[in-house]
Amino acid sequence: MTQQNLHQKLQQASRQIKSAQQAVSDAQGSDAQLLEQAEQRLQQAEDELQTAREQAGTEATENPQFQQASEQLHDTRQQVQEAQQNNNDIL
């Protein structure tokens, strides 16, 4: 994988994560559909990161942008799960 392709994959993953973070923020407290959209975006981001990992190996996983995206993915997925649990508690 060329450096440019790796960068593009990581950028796409970061955009998906940011979009998911916004959906989680917008959904706080009530909107299950937005949480589902956030989960779908996170899955897309995870797929992008997996593709980058498969194609670039350690070049990808040692990249600071990859590491940051992975951390954000994990953190945002936890936020989605917490929001879903809060919605279930309300119901």
PDB file of N, CA and C in Angstrom:
ATOM      1  N   MET A   1       0.869  -1.171   0.000  1.00  0.00           N
ATOM      2  CA  MET A   1       0.000   0.000   0.000  1.00  0.00           C
ATOM      3  C   MET A   1       0.906   1.222   0.000  1.00  0.00           C
ATOM      4  N   THR A   2       0.621   2.140  -0.893  1.00  0.00           N
ATOM      5  CA  THR A   2       1.432   3.352  -0.928  1.00  0.00           C
ATOM      6  C   THR A   2       1.075   4.243   0.262  1.00  0.00           C
ATOM      7  N   GLN A   3       1.994   5.130   0.556  1.00  0.00           N
ATOM      8  CA  GLN A   3       1.781   6.060   1.672  1.00  0.00           C
ATOM      9  C   GLN A   3       0.515   6.891   1.443  1.00  0.00           C
ATOM     10  N   GLN A   4       0.270   7.292   0.189  1.00  0.00           N
ATOM     11  CA  GLN A   4      -0.911   8.090  -0.125  1.00  0.00           C
ATOM     12  C   GLN A   4      -2.187   7.278   0.094  1.00  0.00           C
ATOM     13  N   ASN A   5      -2.198   6.018  -0.335  1.00  0.00           N
ATOM     14  CA  ASN A   5      -3.381   5.174  -0.133  1.00  0.00           C
ATOM     15  C   ASN A   5      -3.645   4.944   1.351  1.00  0.00           C
ATOM     16  N   LEU A   6      -2.581   4.710   2.120  1.00  0.00           N
ATOM     17  CA  LEU A   6      -2.722   4.538   3.558  1.00  0.00           C
ATOM     18  C   LEU A   6      -3.319   5.799   4.166  1.00  0.00           C
ATOM     19  N   HIS A   7      -2.795   6.932   3.767  1.00  0.00           N
ATOM     20  CA  HIS A   7      -3.307   8.205   4.280  1.00  0.00           C
ATOM     21  C   HIS A   7      -4.786   8.360   3.946  1.00  0.00           C
ATOM     22  N   GLN A   8      -5.181   8.012   2.734  1.00  0.00           N
ATOM     23  CA  GLN A   8      -6.578   8.127   2.328  1.00  0.00           C
ATOM     24  C   GLN A   8      -7.470   7.205   3.159  1.00  0.00           C
ATOM     25  N   LYS A   9      -7.039   5.983   3.382  1.00  0.00           N
ATOM     26  CA  LYS A   9      -7.821   5.045   4.196  1.00  0.00           C
ATOM     27  C   LYS A   9      -7.982   5.583   5.612  1.00  0.00           C
ATOM     28  N   LEU A  10      -6.915   6.106   6.168  1.00  0.00           N
ATOM     29  CA  LEU A  10      -6.966   6.627   7.526  1.00  0.00           C
ATOM     30  C   LEU A  10      -7.846   7.872   7.599  1.00  0.00           C
ATOM     31  N   GLN A  11      -7.803   8.696   6.567  1.00  0.00           N
ATOM     32  CA  GLN A  11      -8.670   9.882   6.516  1.00  0.00           C
ATOM     33  C   GLN A  11     -10.138   9.460   6.456  1.00  0.00           C
ATOM     34  N   GLN A  12     -10.441   8.459   5.644  1.00  0.00           N
ATOM     35  CA  GLN A  12     -11.819   7.976   5.534  1.00  0.00           C
ATOM     36  C   GLN A  12     -12.293   7.429   6.874  1.00  0.00           C
ATOM     37  N   ALA A  13     -11.451   6.680   7.537  1.00  0.00           N
ATOM     38  CA  ALA A  13     -11.818   6.137   8.850  1.00  0.00           C
ATOM     39  C   ALA A  13     -12.065   7.270   9.836  1.00  0.00           C
ATOM     40  N   SER A  14     -11.213   8.272   9.827  1.00  0.00           N
ATOM     41  CA  SER A  14     -11.376   9.403  10.745  1.00  0.00           C
ATOM     42  C   SER A  14     -12.675  10.156  10.477  1.00  0.00           C
ATOM     43  N   ARG A  15     -13.017  10.321   9.219  1.00  0.00           N
ATOM     44  CA  ARG A  15     -14.277  11.005   8.882  1.00  0.00           C
ATOM     45  C   ARG A  15     -15.472  10.202   9.376  1.00  0.00           C
ATOM     46  N   GLN A  16     -15.424   8.881   9.214  1.00  0.00           N
ATOM     47  CA  GLN A  16     -16.523   8.033   9.679  1.00  0.00           C
ATOM     48  C   GLN A  16     -16.657   8.119  11.203  1.00  0.00           C
ATOM     49  N   ILE A  17     -15.537   8.137  11.889  1.00  0.00           N
ATOM     50  CA  ILE A  17     -15.569   8.211  13.354  1.00  0.00           C
ATOM     51  C   ILE A  17     -16.139   9.552  13.798  1.00  0.00           C
ATOM     52  N   LYS A  18     -15.687  10.636  13.173  1.00  0.00           N
ATOM     53  CA  LYS A  18     -16.209  11.965  13.529  1.00  0.00           C
ATOM     54  C   LYS A  18     -17.711  12.049  13.272  1.00  0.00           C
ATOM     55  N   SER A  19     -18.157  11.478  12.175  1.00  0.00           N
ATOM     56  CA  SER A  19     -19.581  11.452  11.862  1.00  0.00           C
ATOM     57  C   SER A  19     -20.346  10.659  12.915  1.00  0.00           C
ATOM     58  N   ALA A  20     -19.777   9.549  13.328  1.00  0.00           N
ATOM     59  CA  ALA A  20     -20.412   8.732  14.368  1.00  0.00           C
ATOM     60  C   ALA A  20     -20.457   9.481  15.694  1.00  0.00           C
ATOM     61  N   GLN A  21     -19.376  10.180  16.018  1.00  0.00           N
ATOM     62  CA  GLN A  21     -19.340  10.954  17.259  1.00  0.00           C
ATOM     63  C   GLN A  21     -20.438  12.018  17.255  1.00  0.00           C
ATOM     64  N   GLN A  22     -20.645  12.660  16.114  1.00  0.00           N
ATOM     65  CA  GLN A  22     -21.685  13.679  16.008  1.00  0.00           C
ATOM     66  C   GLN A  22     -23.063  13.050  16.173  1.00  0.00           C
ATOM     67  N   ALA A  23     -23.268  11.893  15.565  1.00  0.00           N
ATOM     68  CA  ALA A  23     -24.559  11.213  15.692  1.00  0.00           C
ATOM     69  C   ALA A  23     -24.827  10.812  17.140  1.00  0.00           C
ATOM     70  N   VAL A  24     -23.804  10.362  17.846  1.00  0.00           N
ATOM     71  CA  VAL A  24     -23.968  10.005  19.257  1.00  0.00           C
ATOM     72  C   VAL A  24     -24.342  11.241  20.063  1.00  0.00           C
ATOM     73  N   SER A  25     -23.661  12.321  19.789  1.00  0.00           N
ATOM     74  CA  SER A  25     -23.949  13.575  20.487  1.00  0.00           C
ATOM     75  C   SER A  25     -25.377  14.029  20.222  1.00  0.00           C
ATOM     76  N   ASP A  26     -25.793  13.949  18.970  1.00  0.00           N
ATOM     77  CA  ASP A  26     -27.153  14.363  18.598  1.00  0.00           C
ATOM     78  C   ASP A  26     -28.214  13.448  19.216  1.00  0.00           C
ATOM     79  N   ALA A  27     -27.869  12.180  19.439  1.00  0.00           N
ATOM     80  CA  ALA A  27     -28.842  11.194  19.904  1.00  0.00           C
ATOM     81  C   ALA A  27     -28.942  11.103  21.418  1.00  0.00           C
ATOM     82  N   GLN A  28     -28.091  11.792  22.140  1.00  0.00           N
ATOM     83  CA  GLN A  28     -28.047  11.625  23.592  1.00  0.00           C
ATOM     84  C   GLN A  28     -29.447  11.667  24.188  1.00  0.00           C
ATOM     85  N   GLY A  29     -29.782  10.563  24.816  1.00  0.00           N
ATOM     86  CA  GLY A  29     -31.007  10.527  25.581  1.00  0.00           C
ATOM     87  C   GLY A  29     -32.232   9.983  24.901  1.00  0.00           C
ATOM     88  N   SER A  30     -32.253   9.867  23.549  1.00  0.00           N
ATOM     89  CA  SER A  30     -33.531   9.436  23.022  1.00  0.00           C
ATOM     90  C   SER A  30     -33.536   8.793  21.650  1.00  0.00           C
ATOM     91  N   ASP A  31     -32.657   9.140  20.759  1.00  0.00           N
ATOM     92  CA  ASP A  31     -32.842   8.764  19.357  1.00  0.00           C
ATOM     93  C   ASP A  31     -32.098   7.484  18.981  1.00  0.00           C
ATOM     94  N   ALA A  32     -32.817   6.373  19.021  1.00  0.00           N
ATOM     95  CA  ALA A  32     -32.223   5.068  18.709  1.00  0.00           C
ATOM     96  C   ALA A  32     -31.771   4.992  17.255  1.00  0.00           C
ATOM     97  N   GLN A  33     -32.473   5.674  16.365  1.00  0.00           N
ATOM     98  CA  GLN A  33     -32.101   5.638  14.950  1.00  0.00           C
ATOM     99  C   GLN A  33     -30.744   6.302  14.732  1.00  0.00           C
ATOM    100  N   LEU A  34     -30.489   7.424  15.387  1.00  0.00           N
ATOM    101  CA  LEU A  34     -29.181   8.082  15.267  1.00  0.00           C
ATOM    102  C   LEU A  34     -28.082   7.210  15.858  1.00  0.00           C
ATOM    103  N   LEU A  35     -28.392   6.511  16.926  1.00  0.00           N
ATOM    104  CA  LEU A  35     -27.396   5.616  17.500  1.00  0.00           C
ATOM    105  C   LEU A  35     -27.084   4.466  16.548  1.00  0.00           C
ATOM    106  N   GLU A  36     -28.096   3.990  15.853  1.00  0.00           N
ATOM    107  CA  GLU A  36     -27.880   2.938  14.859  1.00  0.00           C
ATOM    108  C   GLU A  36     -27.008   3.457  13.715  1.00  0.00           C
ATOM    109  N   GLN A  37     -27.264   4.691  13.281  1.00  0.00           N
ATOM    110  CA  GLN A  37     -26.432   5.297  12.236  1.00  0.00           C
ATOM    111  C   GLN A  37     -24.995   5.437  12.713  1.00  0.00           C
ATOM    112  N   ALA A  38     -24.818   5.829  13.954  1.00  0.00           N
ATOM    113  CA  ALA A  38     -23.476   5.956  14.517  1.00  0.00           C
ATOM    114  C   ALA A  38     -22.774   4.598  14.505  1.00  0.00           C
ATOM    115  N   GLU A  39     -23.493   3.564  14.891  1.00  0.00           N
ATOM    116  CA  GLU A  39     -22.915   2.218  14.904  1.00  0.00           C
ATOM    117  C   GLU A  39     -22.514   1.784  13.498  1.00  0.00           C
ATOM    118  N   GLN A  40     -23.328   2.113  12.504  1.00  0.00           N
ATOM    119  CA  GLN A  40     -22.998   1.772  11.122  1.00  0.00           C
ATOM    120  C   GLN A  40     -21.745   2.512  10.659  1.00  0.00           C
ATOM    121  N   ARG A  41     -21.634   3.782  11.013  1.00  0.00           N
ATOM    122  CA  ARG A  41     -20.443   4.563  10.639  1.00  0.00           C
ATOM    123  C   ARG A  41     -19.197   4.010  11.320  1.00  0.00           C
ATOM    124  N   LEU A  42     -19.348   3.595  12.558  1.00  0.00           N
ATOM    125  CA  LEU A  42     -18.214   2.997  13.260  1.00  0.00           C
ATOM    126  C   LEU A  42     -17.785   1.694  12.596  1.00  0.00           C
ATOM    127  N   GLN A  43     -18.750   0.919  12.131  1.00  0.00           N
ATOM    128  CA  GLN A  43     -18.415  -0.320  11.433  1.00  0.00           C
ATOM    129  C   GLN A  43     -17.667  -0.003  10.142  1.00  0.00           C
ATOM    130  N   GLN A  44     -18.102   1.028   9.432  1.00  0.00           N
ATOM    131  CA  GLN A  44     -17.409   1.432   8.202  1.00  0.00           C
ATOM    132  C   GLN A  44     -15.983   1.869   8.514  1.00  0.00           C
ATOM    133  N   ALA A  45     -15.826   2.629   9.593  1.00  0.00           N
ATOM    134  CA  ALA A  45     -14.492   3.077   9.994  1.00  0.00           C
ATOM    135  C   ALA A  45     -13.623   1.882  10.368  1.00  0.00           C
ATOM    136  N   GLU A  46     -14.207   0.948  11.094  1.00  0.00           N
ATOM    137  CA  GLU A  46     -13.455  -0.250  11.472  1.00  0.00           C
ATOM    138  C   GLU A  46     -13.030  -1.030  10.234  1.00  0.00           C
ATOM    139  N   ASP A  47     -13.907  -1.107   9.247  1.00  0.00           N
ATOM    140  CA  ASP A  47     -13.574  -1.786   7.991  1.00  0.00           C
ATOM    141  C   ASP A  47     -12.413  -1.088   7.285  1.00  0.00           C
ATOM    142  N   GLU A  48     -12.427   0.243   7.272  1.00  0.00           N
ATOM    143  CA  GLU A  48     -11.337   1.008   6.650  1.00  0.00           C
ATOM    144  C   GLU A  48     -10.012   0.727   7.355  1.00  0.00           C
ATOM    145  N   LEU A  49     -10.059   0.729   8.681  1.00  0.00           N
ATOM    146  CA  LEU A  49      -8.841   0.467   9.447  1.00  0.00           C
ATOM    147  C   LEU A  49      -8.347  -0.961   9.218  1.00  0.00           C
ATOM    148  N   GLN A  50      -9.273  -1.901   9.136  1.00  0.00           N
ATOM    149  CA  GLN A  50      -8.895  -3.292   8.887  1.00  0.00           C
ATOM    150  C   GLN A  50      -8.246  -3.432   7.517  1.00  0.00           C
ATOM    151  N   THR A  51      -8.809  -2.769   6.517  1.00  0.00           N
ATOM    152  CA  THR A  51      -8.235  -2.812   5.169  1.00  0.00           C
ATOM    153  C   THR A  51      -6.827  -2.224   5.179  1.00  0.00           C
ATOM    154  N   ALA A  52      -6.669  -1.094   5.861  1.00  0.00           N
ATOM    155  CA  ALA A  52      -5.346  -0.470   5.952  1.00  0.00           C
ATOM    156  C   ALA A  52      -4.369  -1.415   6.638  1.00  0.00           C
ATOM    157  N   ARG A  53      -4.814  -2.068   7.709  1.00  0.00           N
ATOM    158  CA  ARG A  53      -3.953  -2.999   8.448  1.00  0.00           C
ATOM    159  C   ARG A  53      -3.553  -4.179   7.560  1.00  0.00           C
ATOM    160  N   GLU A  54      -4.514  -4.702   6.814  1.00  0.00           N
ATOM    161  CA  GLU A  54      -4.230  -5.857   5.955  1.00  0.00           C
ATOM    162  C   GLU A  54      -3.294  -5.495   4.809  1.00  0.00           C
ATOM    163  N   GLN A  55      -3.458  -4.299   4.263  1.00  0.00           N
ATOM    164  CA  GLN A  55      -2.681  -3.917   3.092  1.00  0.00           C
ATOM    165  C   GLN A  55      -1.320  -3.333   3.438  1.00  0.00           C
ATOM    166  N   ALA A  56      -1.206  -2.694   4.600  1.00  0.00           N
ATOM    167  CA  ALA A  56       0.044  -2.018   4.925  1.00  0.00           C
ATOM    168  C   ALA A  56       0.763  -2.621   6.134  1.00  0.00           C
ATOM    169  N   GLY A  57       0.115  -3.510   6.846  1.00  0.00           N
ATOM    170  CA  GLY A  57       0.757  -4.170   7.976  1.00  0.00           C
ATOM    171  C   GLY A  57       1.226  -3.191   9.040  1.00  0.00           C
ATOM    172  N   THR A  58       2.465  -3.372   9.480  1.00  0.00           N
ATOM    173  CA  THR A  58       2.979  -2.532  10.569  1.00  0.00           C
ATOM    174  C   THR A  58       3.130  -1.076  10.152  1.00  0.00           C
ATOM    175  N   GLU A  59       3.267  -0.839   8.856  1.00  0.00           N
ATOM    176  CA  GLU A  59       3.315   0.547   8.387  1.00  0.00           C
ATOM    177  C   GLU A  59       2.039   1.279   8.799  1.00  0.00           C
ATOM    178  N   ALA A  60       0.926   0.569   8.754  1.00  0.00           N
ATOM    179  CA  ALA A  60      -0.347   1.158   9.172  1.00  0.00           C
ATOM    180  C   ALA A  60      -0.439   1.227  10.686  1.00  0.00           C
ATOM    181  N   THR A  61      -0.193   0.111  11.347  1.00  0.00           N
ATOM    182  CA  THR A  61      -0.433   0.056  12.792  1.00  0.00           C
ATOM    183  C   THR A  61       0.534   0.922  13.590  1.00  0.00           C
ATOM    184  N   GLU A  62       1.684   1.229  13.028  1.00  0.00           N
ATOM    185  CA  GLU A  62       2.633   2.108  13.714  1.00  0.00           C
ATOM    186  C   GLU A  62       2.399   3.581  13.378  1.00  0.00           C
ATOM    187  N   ASN A  63       1.484   3.831  12.461  1.00  0.00           N
ATOM    188  CA  ASN A  63       1.178   5.199  12.057  1.00  0.00           C
ATOM    189  C   ASN A  63       0.369   5.878  13.165  1.00  0.00           C
ATOM    190  N   PRO A  64       0.801   7.066  13.622  1.00  0.00           N
ATOM    191  CA  PRO A  64       0.070   7.758  14.700  1.00  0.00           C
ATOM    192  C   PRO A  64      -1.387   8.049  14.346  1.00  0.00           C
ATOM    193  N   GLN A  65      -1.661   8.341  13.086  1.00  0.00           N
ATOM    194  CA  GLN A  65      -3.035   8.604  12.674  1.00  0.00           C
ATOM    195  C   GLN A  65      -3.880   7.336  12.809  1.00  0.00           C
ATOM    196  N   PHE A  66      -3.304   6.187  12.476  1.00  0.00           N
ATOM    197  CA  PHE A  66      -3.999   4.909  12.630  1.00  0.00           C
ATOM    198  C   PHE A  66      -4.293   4.655  14.105  1.00  0.00           C
ATOM    199  N   GLN A  67      -3.300   4.874  14.940  1.00  0.00           N
ATOM    200  CA  GLN A  67      -3.460   4.634  16.372  1.00  0.00           C
ATOM    201  C   GLN A  67      -4.527   5.551  16.966  1.00  0.00           C
ATOM    202  N   GLN A  68      -4.517   6.817  16.550  1.00  0.00           N
ATOM    203  CA  GLN A  68      -5.519   7.770  17.045  1.00  0.00           C
ATOM    204  C   GLN A  68      -6.917   7.358  16.581  1.00  0.00           C
ATOM    205  N   ALA A  69      -7.035   6.978  15.323  1.00  0.00           N
ATOM    206  CA  ALA A  69      -8.340   6.556  14.802  1.00  0.00           C
ATOM    207  C   ALA A  69      -8.837   5.319  15.544  1.00  0.00           C
ATOM    208  N   SER A  70      -7.945   4.395  15.832  1.00  0.00           N
ATOM    209  CA  SER A  70      -8.336   3.189  16.570  1.00  0.00           C
ATOM    210  C   SER A  70      -8.842   3.535  17.962  1.00  0.00           C
ATOM    211  N   GLU A  71      -8.155   4.444  18.635  1.00  0.00           N
ATOM    212  CA  GLU A  71      -8.581   4.870  19.964  1.00  0.00           C
ATOM    213  C   GLU A  71      -9.930   5.579  19.914  1.00  0.00           C
ATOM    214  N   GLN A  72     -10.097   6.461  18.929  1.00  0.00           N
ATOM    215  CA  GLN A  72     -11.365   7.178  18.792  1.00  0.00           C
ATOM    216  C   GLN A  72     -12.501   6.211  18.475  1.00  0.00           C
ATOM    217  N   LEU A  73     -12.218   5.223  17.644  1.00  0.00           N
ATOM    218  CA  LEU A  73     -13.215   4.213  17.316  1.00  0.00           C
ATOM    219  C   LEU A  73     -13.665   3.492  18.580  1.00  0.00           C
ATOM    220  N   HIS A  74     -12.717   3.068  19.370  1.00  0.00           N
ATOM    221  CA  HIS A  74     -13.032   2.361  20.616  1.00  0.00           C
ATOM    222  C   HIS A  74     -13.840   3.264  21.559  1.00  0.00           C
ATOM    223  N   ASP A  75     -13.385   4.498  21.749  1.00  0.00           N
ATOM    224  CA  ASP A  75     -14.064   5.426  22.655  1.00  0.00           C
ATOM    225  C   ASP A  75     -15.483   5.735  22.194  1.00  0.00           C
ATOM    226  N   THR A  76     -15.641   5.953  20.895  1.00  0.00           N
ATOM    227  CA  THR A  76     -16.960   6.293  20.364  1.00  0.00           C
ATOM    228  C   THR A  76     -17.895   5.091  20.444  1.00  0.00           C
ATOM    229  N   ARG A  77     -17.366   3.894  20.213  1.00  0.00           N
ATOM    230  CA  ARG A  77     -18.195   2.696  20.340  1.00  0.00           C
ATOM    231  C   ARG A  77     -18.690   2.556  21.782  1.00  0.00           C
ATOM    232  N   GLN A  78     -17.852   2.878  22.756  1.00  0.00           N
ATOM    233  CA  GLN A  78     -18.277   2.839  24.157  1.00  0.00           C
ATOM    234  C   GLN A  78     -19.381   3.869  24.409  1.00  0.00           C
ATOM    235  N   GLN A  79     -19.248   5.060  23.809  1.00  0.00           N
ATOM    236  CA  GLN A  79     -20.279   6.093  23.966  1.00  0.00           C
ATOM    237  C   GLN A  79     -21.608   5.623  23.397  1.00  0.00           C
ATOM    238  N   VAL A  80     -21.563   4.960  22.241  1.00  0.00           N
ATOM    239  CA  VAL A  80     -22.784   4.433  21.634  1.00  0.00           C
ATOM    240  C   VAL A  80     -23.420   3.406  22.567  1.00  0.00           C
ATOM    241  N   GLN A  81     -22.612   2.498  23.096  1.00  0.00           N
ATOM    242  CA  GLN A  81     -23.145   1.467  23.983  1.00  0.00           C
ATOM    243  C   GLN A  81     -23.749   2.078  25.248  1.00  0.00           C
ATOM    244  N   GLU A  82     -23.083   3.088  25.797  1.00  0.00           N
ATOM    245  CA  GLU A  82     -23.615   3.756  26.988  1.00  0.00           C
ATOM    246  C   GLU A  82     -24.925   4.470  26.673  1.00  0.00           C
ATOM    247  N   ALA A  83     -24.986   5.130  25.518  1.00  0.00           N
ATOM    248  CA  ALA A  83     -26.213   5.828  25.131  1.00  0.00           C
ATOM    249  C   ALA A  83     -27.347   4.824  24.899  1.00  0.00           C
ATOM    250  N   GLN A  84     -27.024   3.696  24.281  1.00  0.00           N
ATOM    251  CA  GLN A  84     -28.047   2.666  24.069  1.00  0.00           C
ATOM    252  C   GLN A  84     -28.536   2.128  25.407  1.00  0.00           C
ATOM    253  N   GLN A  85     -27.637   1.917  26.332  1.00  0.00           N
ATOM    254  CA  GLN A  85     -28.019   1.426  27.653  1.00  0.00           C
ATOM    255  C   GLN A  85     -28.886   2.461  28.366  1.00  0.00           C
ATOM    256  N   ASN A  86     -28.526   3.721  28.260  1.00  0.00           N
ATOM    257  CA  ASN A  86     -29.329   4.790  28.880  1.00  0.00           C
ATOM    258  C   ASN A  86     -30.722   4.825  28.278  1.00  0.00           C
ATOM    259  N   ASN A  87     -30.802   4.650  26.955  1.00  0.00           N
ATOM    260  CA  ASN A  87     -32.123   4.620  26.308  1.00  0.00           C
ATOM    261  C   ASN A  87     -32.930   3.437  26.811  1.00  0.00           C
ATOM    262  N   ASN A  88     -32.303   2.288  26.966  1.00  0.00           N
ATOM    263  CA  ASN A  88     -33.002   1.107  27.459  1.00  0.00           C
ATOM    264  C   ASN A  88     -33.460   1.315  28.911  1.00  0.00           C
ATOM    265  N   ASP A  89     -32.640   1.993  29.700  1.00  0.00           N
ATOM    266  CA  ASP A  89     -33.015   2.265  31.092  1.00  0.00           C
ATOM    267  C   ASP A  89     -34.221   3.185  31.184  1.00  0.00           C
ATOM    268  N   ILE A  90     -34.316   4.120  30.226  1.00  0.00           N
ATOM    269  CA  ILE A  90     -35.443   5.066  30.207  1.00  0.00           C
ATOM    270  C   ILE A  90     -36.741   4.325  29.867  1.00  0.00           C
ATOM    271  N   LEU A  91     -36.612   3.358  28.950  1.00  0.00           N
ATOM    272  CA  LEU A  91     -37.798   2.596  28.548  1.00  0.00           C
ATOM    273  C   LEU A  91     -38.109   1.609  29.618  1.00  0.00           C
TER     274      LEU A  91
END
